[in-house]
Amino acid sequence: VFSRGFGEYVPQCSNATSSGKACNRRVELMLIVDE
């Protein structure tokens, strides 16, 4: 299990509005499966 935090450095939406800040409060998961 690996964890990385990007915080304000990789926003998905603008931090200028409250809705943009809400958009940036997220968790992204990437599953890698060995076959």
N, C-alpha and C. Protein backbone atom coordinates (compact mmCIF):
# COMPACT_ATOMS: atom_id res chain seq x y z
N VAL A 1 0.86 -1.18 0.00
CA VAL A 1 0.00 0.00 0.00
C VAL A 1 0.90 1.23 0.00
N PHE A 2 0.63 2.13 -0.92
CA PHE A 2 1.38 3.37 -1.01
C PHE A 2 0.43 4.54 -0.87
N SER A 3 0.91 5.61 -0.32
CA SER A 3 0.10 6.81 -0.14
C SER A 3 0.91 8.02 -0.59
N ARG A 4 0.27 8.91 -1.36
CA ARG A 4 0.90 10.16 -1.75
C ARG A 4 -0.12 11.27 -1.61
N GLY A 5 0.30 12.39 -1.10
CA GLY A 5 -0.58 13.55 -0.97
C GLY A 5 -0.11 14.66 -1.88
N PHE A 6 -1.01 15.19 -2.70
CA PHE A 6 -0.66 16.27 -3.61
C PHE A 6 -1.19 17.61 -3.12
N GLY A 7 -2.23 17.55 -2.30
CA GLY A 7 -2.77 18.78 -1.71
C GLY A 7 -3.03 19.87 -2.71
N GLU A 8 -2.49 21.04 -2.45
CA GLU A 8 -2.74 22.21 -3.30
C GLU A 8 -1.93 22.19 -4.59
N TYR A 9 -1.02 21.23 -4.76
CA TYR A 9 -0.13 21.24 -5.92
C TYR A 9 -0.74 20.62 -7.17
N VAL A 10 -1.74 19.77 -7.02
CA VAL A 10 -2.39 19.14 -8.18
C VAL A 10 -3.90 19.25 -8.02
N PRO A 11 -4.44 20.47 -8.06
CA PRO A 11 -5.89 20.62 -7.91
C PRO A 11 -6.63 20.16 -9.17
N GLN A 12 -7.79 19.58 -8.98
CA GLN A 12 -8.63 19.18 -10.11
C GLN A 12 -9.53 20.35 -10.52
N CYS A 13 -9.88 21.21 -9.57
CA CYS A 13 -10.73 22.37 -9.79
C CYS A 13 -10.04 23.60 -9.20
N SER A 14 -10.55 24.76 -9.49
CA SER A 14 -9.99 26.01 -8.96
C SER A 14 -10.25 26.11 -7.46
N ASN A 15 -9.28 26.63 -6.73
CA ASN A 15 -9.46 26.85 -5.29
C ASN A 15 -10.02 28.23 -4.99
N ALA A 16 -10.46 28.96 -6.01
CA ALA A 16 -10.96 30.32 -5.82
C ALA A 16 -12.37 30.35 -5.24
N THR A 17 -13.12 29.26 -5.38
CA THR A 17 -14.50 29.23 -4.88
C THR A 17 -14.66 28.08 -3.89
N SER A 18 -15.71 28.15 -3.09
CA SER A 18 -15.95 27.07 -2.12
C SER A 18 -16.30 25.76 -2.83
N SER A 19 -17.00 25.84 -3.96
CA SER A 19 -17.32 24.61 -4.69
C SER A 19 -16.07 24.00 -5.31
N GLY A 20 -15.14 24.83 -5.74
CA GLY A 20 -13.87 24.33 -6.26
C GLY A 20 -13.04 23.66 -5.18
N LYS A 21 -13.04 24.25 -3.99
CA LYS A 21 -12.32 23.65 -2.87
C LYS A 21 -12.93 22.31 -2.49
N ALA A 22 -14.26 22.23 -2.54
CA ALA A 22 -14.94 20.97 -2.24
C ALA A 22 -14.58 19.92 -3.28
N CYS A 23 -14.44 20.33 -4.53
CA CYS A 23 -14.05 19.42 -5.61
C CYS A 23 -12.65 18.85 -5.36
N ASN A 24 -11.77 19.65 -4.78
CA ASN A 24 -10.39 19.22 -4.55
C ASN A 24 -10.23 18.37 -3.30
N ARG A 25 -11.24 18.29 -2.46
CA ARG A 25 -11.18 17.39 -1.30
C ARG A 25 -11.63 16.01 -1.77
N ARG A 26 -10.68 15.23 -2.22
CA ARG A 26 -11.02 13.95 -2.83
C ARG A 26 -9.94 12.92 -2.51
N VAL A 27 -10.29 11.69 -2.72
CA VAL A 27 -9.36 10.57 -2.61
C VAL A 27 -9.41 9.83 -3.93
N GLU A 28 -8.26 9.58 -4.51
CA GLU A 28 -8.18 8.83 -5.76
C GLU A 28 -7.48 7.51 -5.48
N LEU A 29 -8.04 6.43 -6.00
CA LEU A 29 -7.47 5.10 -5.82
C LEU A 29 -7.06 4.54 -7.16
N MET A 30 -5.90 3.88 -7.20
CA MET A 30 -5.46 3.19 -8.40
C MET A 30 -5.14 1.75 -8.01
N LEU A 31 -5.82 0.83 -8.62
CA LEU A 31 -5.60 -0.59 -8.34
C LEU A 31 -4.75 -1.18 -9.45
N ILE A 32 -3.66 -1.83 -9.07
CA ILE A 32 -2.79 -2.50 -10.03
C ILE A 32 -2.81 -3.98 -9.69
N VAL A 33 -3.24 -4.78 -10.64
CA VAL A 33 -3.41 -6.21 -10.42
C VAL A 33 -2.40 -6.96 -11.27
N ASP A 34 -1.59 -7.80 -10.64
CA ASP A 34 -0.69 -8.68 -11.38
C ASP A 34 -1.49 -9.87 -11.88
N GLU A 35 -1.33 -10.15 -13.15
CA GLU A 35 -2.08 -11.29 -13.71
C GLU A 35 -1.15 -12.43 -14.02
